[in-house]
């Protein structure tokens, strides 16, 4: 099922949660709504589900206006952050719940319910836990059961609100890979809310970046990471070093300091990813003066934390071999240049 939202506006008192948002979610895609807390992503998800009503605007499901359609009639599966499983019911009964409460004319018989539930439990690889109760399960298992319950009613769209937010980092990583594989198998139009950049970049077909109730950028993970449209997107997606100055002659001028690597001109905000900064220990070389604070070497790469000339924190990422060749130590004076600086007009900053 394809989804469109047109000019969705929602306020809570004097706070504008969504400011005339328009988006399309193509059939079969897995889309991430990404942004900081309070940006409006969960409110938008709840409006699509029918759990909230917009002040104005429309929700279209397969081209039909569903703005006034009751949540039960939208054929939407919703997965909450904190599972919302019934503690007194077995895993089997939790998954069967949505089928058993259907109107009598639509309700499958008990044999069909059992068949459907066991198929779903096998799909999420937890059929061996059918007779257990939620308190007997791990967090990751409970989240998979919550997903199976949402799928039991054969929804046309699956909505997930911070589905892995309550889990530890290792389990989150395992489950987001599992969710991606599951989506590739089922191809249900899916929208999930997250504030975890890595989660969105690894799992989604497309990412919608939101801030303060508005859409900042929509694109594939590669597009939004490599070609951010605004300073907010650049700063939110991954680690970034931020500079303010005047670009001229391939150099960013910041008062008496200079950073090579700026292709452009005028007053700008400049950003560089840690791997785009280069370090030399030759203090007479052109570049931005900085002081090494510490070096963190793990695996094949090394993260170098630095202090800029005005006390601002900076970060560079080197290969392990590069870091060892430079013999960097805390307190050491170095010079920085940039392979590439991404420039935005100074007035576009946040």
C-alpha atoms as a PDB file:
ATOM      1  CA  UNK A   1       0.000   0.000   0.000  1.00  0.00           C
ATOM      2  CA  UNK A   2       1.302   3.431  -0.919  1.00  0.00           C
ATOM      3  CA  UNK A   3       0.908   6.252   1.601  1.00  0.00           C
ATOM      4  CA  UNK A   4       0.790  10.016   1.147  1.00  0.00           C
ATOM      5  CA  UNK A   5       0.425  12.774   3.686  1.00  0.00           C
ATOM      6  CA  UNK A   6      -0.561  16.203   2.397  1.00  0.00           C
ATOM      7  CA  UNK A   7      -0.048  19.445   4.344  1.00  0.00           C
ATOM      8  CA  UNK A   8      -0.289  17.752   7.735  1.00  0.00           C
ATOM      9  CA  UNK A   9      -0.355  20.313  10.542  1.00  0.00           C
ATOM     10  CA  UNK A  10      -0.545  19.432  14.233  1.00  0.00           C
ATOM     11  CA  UNK A  11      -0.194  21.659  17.288  1.00  0.00           C
ATOM     12  CA  UNK A  12      -0.336  20.892  20.991  1.00  0.00           C
ATOM     13  CA  UNK A  13      -1.293  24.151  22.675  1.00  0.00           C
ATOM     14  CA  UNK A  14       1.249  26.713  21.506  1.00  0.00           C
ATOM     15  CA  UNK A  15       3.707  24.040  20.299  1.00  0.00           C
ATOM     16  CA  UNK A  16       3.733  23.162  16.595  1.00  0.00           C
ATOM     17  CA  UNK A  17       4.615  19.475  16.294  1.00  0.00           C
ATOM     18  CA  UNK A  18       4.160  19.329  12.505  1.00  0.00           C
ATOM     19  CA  UNK A  19       4.131  22.317  10.182  1.00  0.00           C
ATOM     20  CA  UNK A  20       2.317  21.465   6.924  1.00  0.00           C
ATOM     21  CA  UNK A  21       4.284  18.286   6.175  1.00  0.00           C
ATOM     22  CA  UNK A  22       3.809  16.580   2.808  1.00  0.00           C
ATOM     23  CA  UNK A  23       5.455  13.231   2.038  1.00  0.00           C
ATOM     24  CA  UNK A  24       5.003  10.107  -0.060  1.00  0.00           C
ATOM     25  CA  UNK A  25       5.814   6.555   1.018  1.00  0.00           C
ATOM     26  CA  UNK A  26       5.909   4.224  -2.025  1.00  0.00           C
ATOM     27  CA  UNK A  27       4.484   0.736  -1.847  1.00  0.00           C
ATOM     28  CA  UNK A  28       6.906  -1.867  -0.474  1.00  0.00           C
ATOM     29  CA  UNK A  29       9.559   0.549   0.823  1.00  0.00           C
ATOM     30  CA  UNK A  30      11.086   0.604   4.298  1.00  0.00           C
ATOM     31  CA  UNK A  31      11.343   4.281   5.251  1.00  0.00           C
ATOM     32  CA  UNK A  32      12.955   5.762   8.376  1.00  0.00           C
ATOM     33  CA  UNK A  33      11.659   8.934  10.025  1.00  0.00           C
ATOM     34  CA  UNK A  34      14.847  10.244  11.607  1.00  0.00           C
ATOM     35  CA  UNK A  35      15.449  13.228  13.832  1.00  0.00           C
ATOM     36  CA  UNK A  36      16.031  14.435  17.396  1.00  0.00           C
ATOM     37  CA  UNK A  37      13.467  14.052  20.171  1.00  0.00           C
ATOM     38  CA  UNK A  38      10.531  16.440  19.696  1.00  0.00           C
ATOM     39  CA  UNK A  39      10.994  16.860  15.943  1.00  0.00           C
ATOM     40  CA  UNK A  40       7.520  15.477  15.119  1.00  0.00           C
ATOM     41  CA  UNK A  41       8.361  12.022  13.785  1.00  0.00           C
ATOM     42  CA  UNK A  42       6.269  10.004  16.273  1.00  0.00           C
ATOM     43  CA  UNK A  43       3.351  12.442  15.916  1.00  0.00           C
ATOM     44  CA  UNK A  44       3.427  11.906  12.141  1.00  0.00           C
ATOM     45  CA  UNK A  45       3.522   8.126  12.585  1.00  0.00           C
ATOM     46  CA  UNK A  46       0.527   8.221  14.955  1.00  0.00           C
ATOM     47  CA  UNK A  47      -1.446  10.402  12.531  1.00  0.00           C
ATOM     48  CA  UNK A  48      -0.802   7.898   9.715  1.00  0.00           C
ATOM     49  CA  UNK A  49      -1.965   5.100  12.027  1.00  0.00           C
ATOM     50  CA  UNK A  50      -5.099   6.986  13.064  1.00  0.00           C
ATOM     51  CA  UNK A  51      -4.037   7.196  16.705  1.00  0.00           C
ATOM     52  CA  UNK A  52      -3.856  11.021  16.431  1.00  0.00           C
ATOM     53  CA  UNK A  53      -5.905  13.443  14.368  1.00  0.00           C
ATOM     54  CA  UNK A  54      -4.213  16.230  12.412  1.00  0.00           C
ATOM     55  CA  UNK A  55      -5.488  19.799  12.820  1.00  0.00           C
ATOM     56  CA  UNK A  56      -5.515  19.992   9.044  1.00  0.00           C
ATOM     57  CA  UNK A  57      -4.217  18.052   6.061  1.00  0.00           C
ATOM     58  CA  UNK A  58      -4.952  14.597   4.618  1.00  0.00           C
ATOM     59  CA  UNK A  59      -3.683  11.035   4.909  1.00  0.00           C
ATOM     60  CA  UNK A  60      -4.074   9.039   1.685  1.00  0.00           C
ATOM     61  CA  UNK A  61      -3.857   5.242   1.696  1.00  0.00           C
ATOM     62  CA  UNK A  62      -3.572   3.880  -1.847  1.00  0.00           C
ATOM     63  CA  UNK A  63      -4.939   7.191  -3.104  1.00  0.00           C
ATOM     64  CA  UNK A  64      -8.029   7.127  -0.863  1.00  0.00           C
ATOM     65  CA  UNK A  65      -8.522   9.816   1.771  1.00  0.00           C
ATOM     66  CA  UNK A  66      -8.326   7.978   5.105  1.00  0.00           C
ATOM     67  CA  UNK A  67      -8.142  11.069   7.333  1.00  0.00           C
ATOM     68  CA  UNK A  68     -11.473  10.261   8.980  1.00  0.00           C
ATOM     69  CA  UNK A  69     -11.117   6.455   8.853  1.00  0.00           C
ATOM     70  CA  UNK A  70     -11.016   4.717  12.224  1.00  0.00           C
ATOM     71  CA  UNK A  71      -7.723   3.114  13.202  1.00  0.00           C
ATOM     72  CA  UNK A  72      -9.298  -0.379  13.067  1.00  0.00           C
ATOM     73  CA  UNK A  73     -10.238   0.126   9.430  1.00  0.00           C
ATOM     74  CA  UNK A  74      -6.869   1.360   8.176  1.00  0.00           C
ATOM     75  CA  UNK A  75      -5.279  -2.132   8.149  1.00  0.00           C
ATOM     76  CA  UNK A  76      -2.210  -0.817   9.898  1.00  0.00           C
ATOM     77  CA  UNK A  77       0.105  -2.849  12.130  1.00  0.00           C
ATOM     78  CA  UNK A  78       1.717  -0.801  14.899  1.00  0.00           C
ATOM     79  CA  UNK A  79       4.782  -1.855  16.926  1.00  0.00           C
ATOM     80  CA  UNK A  80       5.499   0.185  20.055  1.00  0.00           C
ATOM     81  CA  UNK A  81       8.880   0.837  21.676  1.00  0.00           C
ATOM     82  CA  UNK A  82       7.930  -0.924  24.914  1.00  0.00           C
ATOM     83  CA  UNK A  83       6.336  -3.995  23.275  1.00  0.00           C
ATOM     84  CA  UNK A  84       2.828  -3.521  24.836  1.00  0.00           C
ATOM     85  CA  UNK A  85       2.468  -7.302  25.239  1.00  0.00           C
ATOM     86  CA  UNK A  86      -0.147  -8.759  27.593  1.00  0.00           C
ATOM     87  CA  UNK A  87       1.843 -10.132  30.517  1.00  0.00           C
ATOM     88  CA  UNK A  88      -0.869 -12.602  31.559  1.00  0.00           C
ATOM     89  CA  UNK A  89      -1.129 -14.166  28.083  1.00  0.00           C
ATOM     90  CA  UNK A  90       1.220 -16.702  26.537  1.00  0.00           C
ATOM     91  CA  UNK A  91       3.298 -15.781  23.503  1.00  0.00           C
ATOM     92  CA  UNK A  92       0.838 -17.729  21.345  1.00  0.00           C
ATOM     93  CA  UNK A  93      -2.178 -15.899  22.755  1.00  0.00           C
ATOM     94  CA  UNK A  94      -0.484 -12.508  22.376  1.00  0.00           C
ATOM     95  CA  UNK A  95       0.082 -13.119  18.669  1.00  0.00           C
ATOM     96  CA  UNK A  96      -3.435 -14.550  18.246  1.00  0.00           C
ATOM     97  CA  UNK A  97      -5.106 -11.629  20.029  1.00  0.00           C
ATOM     98  CA  UNK A  98      -5.737  -9.435  16.974  1.00  0.00           C
ATOM     99  CA  UNK A  99      -7.304 -12.333  15.078  1.00  0.00           C
ATOM    100  CA  UNK A 100      -9.561 -13.360  17.958  1.00  0.00           C
ATOM    101  CA  UNK A 101     -11.023  -9.876  18.484  1.00  0.00           C
ATOM    102  CA  UNK A 102     -12.025  -9.410  14.848  1.00  0.00           C
ATOM    103  CA  UNK A 103     -15.769  -9.063  14.143  1.00  0.00           C
ATOM    104  CA  UNK A 104     -17.433 -12.478  14.002  1.00  0.00           C
ATOM    105  CA  UNK A 105     -17.892 -12.414  10.220  1.00  0.00           C
ATOM    106  CA  UNK A 106     -14.185 -11.693   9.648  1.00  0.00           C
ATOM    107  CA  UNK A 107     -12.783 -13.881  12.420  1.00  0.00           C
ATOM    108  CA  UNK A 108     -10.945 -17.056  11.311  1.00  0.00           C
ATOM    109  CA  UNK A 109     -11.795 -20.315  13.015  1.00  0.00           C
ATOM    110  CA  UNK A 110      -9.507 -21.527  15.777  1.00  0.00           C
ATOM    111  CA  UNK A 111      -7.696 -24.011  13.530  1.00  0.00           C
ATOM    112  CA  UNK A 112      -6.838 -21.245  11.031  1.00  0.00           C
ATOM    113  CA  UNK A 113      -5.746 -18.958  13.874  1.00  0.00           C
ATOM    114  CA  UNK A 114      -3.407 -21.651  15.206  1.00  0.00           C
ATOM    115  CA  UNK A 115      -1.935 -22.201  11.744  1.00  0.00           C
ATOM    116  CA  UNK A 116      -1.418 -18.465  11.168  1.00  0.00           C
ATOM    117  CA  UNK A 117       0.144 -17.863  14.596  1.00  0.00           C
ATOM    118  CA  UNK A 118       2.576 -20.762  14.313  1.00  0.00           C
ATOM    119  CA  UNK A 119       3.609 -19.607  10.825  1.00  0.00           C
ATOM    120  CA  UNK A 120       4.387 -16.151  12.230  1.00  0.00           C
ATOM    121  CA  UNK A 121       6.274 -17.529  15.212  1.00  0.00           C
ATOM    122  CA  UNK A 122       8.377 -19.595  12.803  1.00  0.00           C
ATOM    123  CA  UNK A 123       8.928 -16.468  10.688  1.00  0.00           C
ATOM    124  CA  UNK A 124      10.344 -14.584  13.697  1.00  0.00           C
ATOM    125  CA  UNK A 125      12.206 -17.768  14.754  1.00  0.00           C
ATOM    126  CA  UNK A 126      10.448 -18.055  18.122  1.00  0.00           C
ATOM    127  CA  UNK A 127       7.954 -20.910  17.642  1.00  0.00           C
ATOM    128  CA  UNK A 128       9.690 -22.791  20.451  1.00  0.00           C
ATOM    129  CA  UNK A 129       8.515 -20.093  22.896  1.00  0.00           C
ATOM    130  CA  UNK A 130       4.798 -20.332  22.075  1.00  0.00           C
ATOM    131  CA  UNK A 131       3.804 -21.434  25.610  1.00  0.00           C
ATOM    132  CA  UNK A 132       6.012 -18.941  27.486  1.00  0.00           C
ATOM    133  CA  UNK A 133       4.863 -15.651  28.999  1.00  0.00           C
ATOM    134  CA  UNK A 134       6.373 -12.206  28.155  1.00  0.00           C
ATOM    135  CA  UNK A 135       8.201 -11.806  31.511  1.00  0.00           C
ATOM    136  CA  UNK A 136      10.093 -15.021  30.689  1.00  0.00           C
ATOM    137  CA  UNK A 137      11.518 -13.556  27.470  1.00  0.00           C
ATOM    138  CA  UNK A 138      14.490 -11.316  26.735  1.00  0.00           C
ATOM    139  CA  UNK A 139      13.914  -7.806  25.394  1.00  0.00           C
ATOM    140  CA  UNK A 140      14.864  -8.833  21.870  1.00  0.00           C
ATOM    141  CA  UNK A 141      12.497 -11.800  21.956  1.00  0.00           C
ATOM    142  CA  UNK A 142       9.631  -9.642  23.228  1.00  0.00           C
ATOM    143  CA  UNK A 143      10.167  -7.164  20.410  1.00  0.00           C
ATOM    144  CA  UNK A 144      10.025  -9.951  17.820  1.00  0.00           C
ATOM    145  CA  UNK A 145       6.795 -11.231  19.384  1.00  0.00           C
ATOM    146  CA  UNK A 146       5.346  -7.704  19.223  1.00  0.00           C
ATOM    147  CA  UNK A 147       6.215  -7.628  15.518  1.00  0.00           C
ATOM    148  CA  UNK A 148       4.611 -11.051  14.940  1.00  0.00           C
ATOM    149  CA  UNK A 149       1.438  -9.812  16.679  1.00  0.00           C
ATOM    150  CA  UNK A 150       1.341  -6.750  14.400  1.00  0.00           C
ATOM    151  CA  UNK A 151       1.726  -8.978  11.325  1.00  0.00           C
ATOM    152  CA  UNK A 152      -0.971 -11.447  12.425  1.00  0.00           C
ATOM    153  CA  UNK A 153      -3.847  -9.278  11.164  1.00  0.00           C
ATOM    154  CA  UNK A 154      -2.176  -9.057   7.733  1.00  0.00           C
ATOM    155  CA  UNK A 155      -1.700  -5.276   7.729  1.00  0.00           C
ATOM    156  CA  UNK A 156      -1.221  -3.360   4.493  1.00  0.00           C
ATOM    157  CA  UNK A 157       1.331  -1.128   6.206  1.00  0.00           C
ATOM    158  CA  UNK A 158       3.622  -1.660   9.199  1.00  0.00           C
ATOM    159  CA  UNK A 159       4.455   1.260  11.506  1.00  0.00           C
ATOM    160  CA  UNK A 160       7.211   0.962  14.112  1.00  0.00           C
ATOM    161  CA  UNK A 161       7.835   3.583  16.804  1.00  0.00           C
ATOM    162  CA  UNK A 162      11.435   3.367  18.096  1.00  0.00           C
ATOM    163  CA  UNK A 163      11.125  -0.444  17.894  1.00  0.00           C
ATOM    164  CA  UNK A 164      14.566  -1.120  19.364  1.00  0.00           C
ATOM    165  CA  UNK A 165      14.857   1.874  21.687  1.00  0.00           C
ATOM    166  CA  UNK A 166      14.553  -0.166  24.884  1.00  0.00           C
ATOM    167  CA  UNK A 167      17.283  -2.648  23.941  1.00  0.00           C
ATOM    168  CA  UNK A 168      21.025  -2.668  24.504  1.00  0.00           C
ATOM    169  CA  UNK A 169      23.421  -1.835  21.653  1.00  0.00           C
ATOM    170  CA  UNK A 170      24.363  -5.422  20.740  1.00  0.00           C
ATOM    171  CA  UNK A 171      20.752  -6.621  20.569  1.00  0.00           C
ATOM    172  CA  UNK A 172      19.731  -3.493  18.621  1.00  0.00           C
ATOM    173  CA  UNK A 173      22.340  -4.254  15.975  1.00  0.00           C
ATOM    174  CA  UNK A 174      21.222  -7.880  15.666  1.00  0.00           C
ATOM    175  CA  UNK A 175      17.532  -6.956  15.424  1.00  0.00           C
ATOM    176  CA  UNK A 176      17.933  -4.212  12.845  1.00  0.00           C
ATOM    177  CA  UNK A 177      19.698  -6.697  10.535  1.00  0.00           C
ATOM    178  CA  UNK A 178      16.901  -9.165  11.219  1.00  0.00           C
ATOM    179  CA  UNK A 179      14.226  -6.515  10.463  1.00  0.00           C
ATOM    180  CA  UNK A 180      15.886  -5.710   7.145  1.00  0.00           C
ATOM    181  CA  UNK A 181      15.908  -9.401   6.149  1.00  0.00           C
ATOM    182  CA  UNK A 182      12.276  -9.782   7.238  1.00  0.00           C
ATOM    183  CA  UNK A 183      11.208  -6.765   5.201  1.00  0.00           C
ATOM    184  CA  UNK A 184      12.989  -8.097   2.119  1.00  0.00           C
ATOM    185  CA  UNK A 185      10.961 -11.284   2.513  1.00  0.00           C
ATOM    186  CA  UNK A 186       7.539  -9.692   3.159  1.00  0.00           C
ATOM    187  CA  UNK A 187       7.762  -6.394   1.196  1.00  0.00           C
ATOM    188  CA  UNK A 188       5.162  -4.664   3.388  1.00  0.00           C
ATOM    189  CA  UNK A 189       5.229  -0.866   3.181  1.00  0.00           C
ATOM    190  CA  UNK A 190       6.946  -0.002   6.453  1.00  0.00           C
ATOM    191  CA  UNK A 191       7.734   3.240   8.283  1.00  0.00           C
ATOM    192  CA  UNK A 192       9.866   3.266  11.390  1.00  0.00           C
ATOM    193  CA  UNK A 193      10.736   6.098  13.754  1.00  0.00           C
ATOM    194  CA  UNK A 194      14.231   6.369  15.162  1.00  0.00           C
ATOM    195  CA  UNK A 195      16.700   8.924  16.490  1.00  0.00           C
ATOM    196  CA  UNK A 196      19.588   6.484  15.900  1.00  0.00           C
ATOM    197  CA  UNK A 197      21.481   7.558  12.765  1.00  0.00           C
ATOM    198  CA  UNK A 198      23.252   4.210  12.330  1.00  0.00           C
ATOM    199  CA  UNK A 199      19.927   2.377  12.575  1.00  0.00           C
ATOM    200  CA  UNK A 200      18.382   4.484   9.811  1.00  0.00           C
ATOM    201  CA  UNK A 201      21.438   4.296   7.561  1.00  0.00           C
ATOM    202  CA  UNK A 202      21.731   0.508   7.885  1.00  0.00           C
ATOM    203  CA  UNK A 203      18.072  -0.492   7.631  1.00  0.00           C
ATOM    204  CA  UNK A 204      16.089   1.961   5.482  1.00  0.00           C
ATOM    205  CA  UNK A 205      15.538   2.202   1.741  1.00  0.00           C
ATOM    206  CA  UNK A 206      14.935   5.935   2.227  1.00  0.00           C
ATOM    207  CA  UNK A 207      15.380   8.351   5.112  1.00  0.00           C
ATOM    208  CA  UNK A 208      13.201  11.349   5.998  1.00  0.00           C
ATOM    209  CA  UNK A 209      15.221  13.811   8.122  1.00  0.00           C
ATOM    210  CA  UNK A 210      12.990  15.944  10.360  1.00  0.00           C
ATOM    211  CA  UNK A 211      13.621  18.862  12.697  1.00  0.00           C
ATOM    212  CA  UNK A 212      11.208  21.164  14.544  1.00  0.00           C
ATOM    213  CA  UNK A 213       8.149  19.780  12.761  1.00  0.00           C
ATOM    214  CA  UNK A 214       9.481  20.165   9.238  1.00  0.00           C
ATOM    215  CA  UNK A 215      11.195  17.941   6.675  1.00  0.00           C
ATOM    216  CA  UNK A 216      14.851  18.820   6.115  1.00  0.00           C
ATOM    217  CA  UNK A 217      15.699  16.213   3.461  1.00  0.00           C
ATOM    218  CA  UNK A 218      14.435  12.981   1.906  1.00  0.00           C
ATOM    219  CA  UNK A 219      16.719  10.518   0.138  1.00  0.00           C
ATOM    220  CA  UNK A 220      18.491   7.195   0.154  1.00  0.00           C
ATOM    221  CA  UNK A 221      20.962   6.611   2.994  1.00  0.00           C
ATOM    222  CA  UNK A 222      23.845   7.319   0.612  1.00  0.00           C
ATOM    223  CA  UNK A 223      22.252  10.543  -0.686  1.00  0.00           C
ATOM    224  CA  UNK A 224      21.529  12.085   2.710  1.00  0.00           C
ATOM    225  CA  UNK A 225      24.923  11.122   4.132  1.00  0.00           C
ATOM    226  CA  UNK A 226      27.101  12.123   1.183  1.00  0.00           C
ATOM    227  CA  UNK A 227      25.035  15.089  -0.084  1.00  0.00           C
ATOM    228  CA  UNK A 228      23.325  16.659   2.941  1.00  0.00           C
ATOM    229  CA  UNK A 229      20.983  19.470   1.915  1.00  0.00           C
ATOM    230  CA  UNK A 230      21.264  21.578   5.076  1.00  0.00           C
ATOM    231  CA  UNK A 231      23.689  22.166   7.946  1.00  0.00           C
ATOM    232  CA  UNK A 232      21.251  20.352  10.254  1.00  0.00           C
ATOM    233  CA  UNK A 233      21.402  17.184   8.140  1.00  0.00           C
ATOM    234  CA  UNK A 234      25.195  17.327   7.963  1.00  0.00           C
ATOM    235  CA  UNK A 235      25.545  17.810  11.696  1.00  0.00           C
ATOM    236  CA  UNK A 236      22.945  15.202  12.637  1.00  0.00           C
ATOM    237  CA  UNK A 237      24.119  12.360  10.401  1.00  0.00           C
ATOM    238  CA  UNK A 238      27.405  11.057  11.710  1.00  0.00           C
ATOM    239  CA  UNK A 239      30.348  12.830  13.287  1.00  0.00           C
ATOM    240  CA  UNK A 240      31.180  16.254  11.843  1.00  0.00           C
ATOM    241  CA  UNK A 241      33.592  19.109  12.450  1.00  0.00           C
ATOM    242  CA  UNK A 242      32.025  22.559  12.072  1.00  0.00           C
ATOM    243  CA  UNK A 243      33.842  25.758  11.097  1.00  0.00           C
ATOM    244  CA  UNK A 244      32.671  29.339  10.459  1.00  0.00           C
ATOM    245  CA  UNK A 245      34.639  31.673   8.213  1.00  0.00           C
ATOM    246  CA  UNK A 246      35.199  33.148   4.766  1.00  0.00           C
ATOM    247  CA  UNK A 247      36.114  30.927   1.818  1.00  0.00           C
ATOM    248  CA  UNK A 248      38.592  32.369  -0.684  1.00  0.00           C
ATOM    249  CA  UNK A 249      41.264  30.904  -2.923  1.00  0.00           C
ATOM    250  CA  UNK A 250      40.753  27.309  -1.786  1.00  0.00           C
ATOM    251  CA  UNK A 251      41.203  28.237   1.876  1.00  0.00           C
ATOM    252  CA  UNK A 252      38.754  28.831   4.725  1.00  0.00           C
ATOM    253  CA  UNK A 253      39.822  31.965   6.602  1.00  0.00           C
ATOM    254  CA  UNK A 254      38.771  32.119  10.271  1.00  0.00           C
ATOM    255  CA  UNK A 255      40.230  35.352  11.592  1.00  0.00           C
ATOM    256  CA  UNK A 256      43.978  34.741  11.761  1.00  0.00           C
ATOM    257  CA  UNK A 257      43.536  31.004  11.239  1.00  0.00           C
ATOM    258  CA  UNK A 258      43.347  29.174   7.922  1.00  0.00           C
ATOM    259  CA  UNK A 259      42.107  25.720   6.856  1.00  0.00           C
ATOM    260  CA  UNK A 260      42.939  24.530   3.323  1.00  0.00           C
ATOM    261  CA  UNK A 261      40.273  22.593   1.410  1.00  0.00           C
ATOM    262  CA  UNK A 262      37.449  25.127   0.794  1.00  0.00           C
ATOM    263  CA  UNK A 263      36.203  25.197  -2.811  1.00  0.00           C
ATOM    264  CA  UNK A 264      33.970  28.272  -2.877  1.00  0.00           C
ATOM    265  CA  UNK A 265      33.768  31.891  -1.798  1.00  0.00           C
ATOM    266  CA  UNK A 266      31.992  34.094   0.699  1.00  0.00           C
ATOM    267  CA  UNK A 267      30.913  33.833   4.318  1.00  0.00           C
ATOM    268  CA  UNK A 268      30.155  30.185   4.980  1.00  0.00           C
ATOM    269  CA  UNK A 269      29.537  27.374   7.407  1.00  0.00           C
ATOM    270  CA  UNK A 270      31.971  24.593   6.593  1.00  0.00           C
ATOM    271  CA  UNK A 271      31.780  20.938   7.614  1.00  0.00           C
ATOM    272  CA  UNK A 272      34.259  18.085   7.388  1.00  0.00           C
ATOM    273  CA  UNK A 273      33.827  14.468   8.394  1.00  0.00           C
ATOM    274  CA  UNK A 274      36.597  13.149  10.677  1.00  0.00           C
ATOM    275  CA  UNK A 275      38.027  10.991   7.876  1.00  0.00           C
ATOM    276  CA  UNK A 276      38.291  14.104   5.660  1.00  0.00           C
ATOM    277  CA  UNK A 277      40.736  15.875   8.001  1.00  0.00           C
ATOM    278  CA  UNK A 278      44.438  15.326   7.444  1.00  0.00           C
ATOM    279  CA  UNK A 279      47.079  15.759  10.131  1.00  0.00           C
ATOM    280  CA  UNK A 280      50.712  16.779   9.789  1.00  0.00           C
ATOM    281  CA  UNK A 281      53.196  17.117  12.643  1.00  0.00           C
ATOM    282  CA  UNK A 282      55.124  19.798  10.722  1.00  0.00           C
ATOM    283  CA  UNK A 283      54.108  22.980  12.532  1.00  0.00           C
ATOM    284  CA  UNK A 284      55.495  25.119   9.700  1.00  0.00           C
ATOM    285  CA  UNK A 285      53.114  23.511   7.170  1.00  0.00           C
ATOM    286  CA  UNK A 286      50.014  25.441   6.050  1.00  0.00           C
ATOM    287  CA  UNK A 287      46.913  24.496   7.953  1.00  0.00           C
ATOM    288  CA  UNK A 288      44.850  25.001  11.073  1.00  0.00           C
ATOM    289  CA  UNK A 289      46.829  24.814  14.302  1.00  0.00           C
ATOM    290  CA  UNK A 290      45.459  22.240  16.766  1.00  0.00           C
ATOM    291  CA  UNK A 291      46.539  20.291  19.813  1.00  0.00           C
ATOM    292  CA  UNK A 292      46.160  16.530  20.185  1.00  0.00           C
ATOM    293  CA  UNK A 293      44.044  15.694  23.226  1.00  0.00           C
ATOM    294  CA  UNK A 294      44.088  11.905  22.950  1.00  0.00           C
ATOM    295  CA  UNK A 295      44.303   9.065  20.428  1.00  0.00           C
ATOM    296  CA  UNK A 296      41.865   6.150  20.544  1.00  0.00           C
ATOM    297  CA  UNK A 297      43.022   3.230  18.392  1.00  0.00           C
ATOM    298  CA  UNK A 298      40.600   0.338  17.893  1.00  0.00           C
ATOM    299  CA  UNK A 299      40.907  -2.226  15.123  1.00  0.00           C
ATOM    300  CA  UNK A 300      41.945  -0.841  11.744  1.00  0.00           C
ATOM    301  CA  UNK A 301      41.264   2.822  12.509  1.00  0.00           C
ATOM    302  CA  UNK A 302      42.266   5.448  15.060  1.00  0.00           C
ATOM    303  CA  UNK A 303      40.208   8.392  16.311  1.00  0.00           C
ATOM    304  CA  UNK A 304      42.192  11.498  17.167  1.00  0.00           C
ATOM    305  CA  UNK A 305      40.518  14.005  19.464  1.00  0.00           C
ATOM    306  CA  UNK A 306      41.939  17.523  19.104  1.00  0.00           C
ATOM    307  CA  UNK A 307      41.462  21.032  20.437  1.00  0.00           C
ATOM    308  CA  UNK A 308      41.299  23.828  17.856  1.00  0.00           C
ATOM    309  CA  UNK A 309      42.951  27.246  18.199  1.00  0.00           C
ATOM    310  CA  UNK A 310      39.874  28.744  19.851  1.00  0.00           C
ATOM    311  CA  UNK A 311      39.322  25.807  22.198  1.00  0.00           C
ATOM    312  CA  UNK A 312      36.743  24.049  20.015  1.00  0.00           C
ATOM    313  CA  UNK A 313      36.746  20.199  19.988  1.00  0.00           C
ATOM    314  CA  UNK A 314      37.718  18.583  16.691  1.00  0.00           C
ATOM    315  CA  UNK A 315      37.970  14.975  15.593  1.00  0.00           C
ATOM    316  CA  UNK A 316      39.996  13.227  12.899  1.00  0.00           C
ATOM    317  CA  UNK A 317      39.920   9.603  11.798  1.00  0.00           C
ATOM    318  CA  UNK A 318      43.083   7.935  10.507  1.00  0.00           C
ATOM    319  CA  UNK A 319      44.049   4.429   9.557  1.00  0.00           C
ATOM    320  CA  UNK A 320      45.951   2.584  12.255  1.00  0.00           C
ATOM    321  CA  UNK A 321      49.104   2.714  10.093  1.00  0.00           C
ATOM    322  CA  UNK A 322      48.790   6.495   9.598  1.00  0.00           C
ATOM    323  CA  UNK A 323      48.384   7.079  13.323  1.00  0.00           C
ATOM    324  CA  UNK A 324      51.368   4.909  14.193  1.00  0.00           C
ATOM    325  CA  UNK A 325      53.542   6.650  11.578  1.00  0.00           C
ATOM    326  CA  UNK A 326      52.682  10.084  13.035  1.00  0.00           C
ATOM    327  CA  UNK A 327      53.411   8.914  16.636  1.00  0.00           C
ATOM    328  CA  UNK A 328      50.785  11.277  17.988  1.00  0.00           C
ATOM    329  CA  UNK A 329      50.669  11.979  21.724  1.00  0.00           C
ATOM    330  CA  UNK A 330      48.484  14.039  24.013  1.00  0.00           C
ATOM    331  CA  UNK A 331      49.556  17.703  24.111  1.00  0.00           C
ATOM    332  CA  UNK A 332      51.312  17.536  20.733  1.00  0.00           C
ATOM    333  CA  UNK A 333      50.920  20.515  18.359  1.00  0.00           C
ATOM    334  CA  UNK A 334      49.855  19.626  14.805  1.00  0.00           C
ATOM    335  CA  UNK A 335      48.415  21.204  11.665  1.00  0.00           C
ATOM    336  CA  UNK A 336      45.136  20.254  10.004  1.00  0.00           C
ATOM    337  CA  UNK A 337      43.985  20.444   6.397  1.00  0.00           C
ATOM    338  CA  UNK A 338      40.862  19.047   4.756  1.00  0.00           C
ATOM    339  CA  UNK A 339      40.512  16.746   1.776  1.00  0.00           C
ATOM    340  CA  UNK A 340      37.091  18.347   1.300  1.00  0.00           C
ATOM    341  CA  UNK A 341      34.969  20.927   3.065  1.00  0.00           C
ATOM    342  CA  UNK A 342      31.205  21.024   2.524  1.00  0.00           C
ATOM    343  CA  UNK A 343      30.095  24.642   2.453  1.00  0.00           C
ATOM    344  CA  UNK A 344      26.750  26.274   3.241  1.00  0.00           C
ATOM    345  CA  UNK A 345      25.816  29.943   3.259  1.00  0.00           C
ATOM    346  CA  UNK A 346      26.464  31.367   6.711  1.00  0.00           C
ATOM    347  CA  UNK A 347      22.798  32.371   7.074  1.00  0.00           C
ATOM    348  CA  UNK A 348      21.716  28.707   6.672  1.00  0.00           C
ATOM    349  CA  UNK A 349      23.290  27.645   9.964  1.00  0.00           C
ATOM    350  CA  UNK A 350      21.568  26.353  13.078  1.00  0.00           C
END
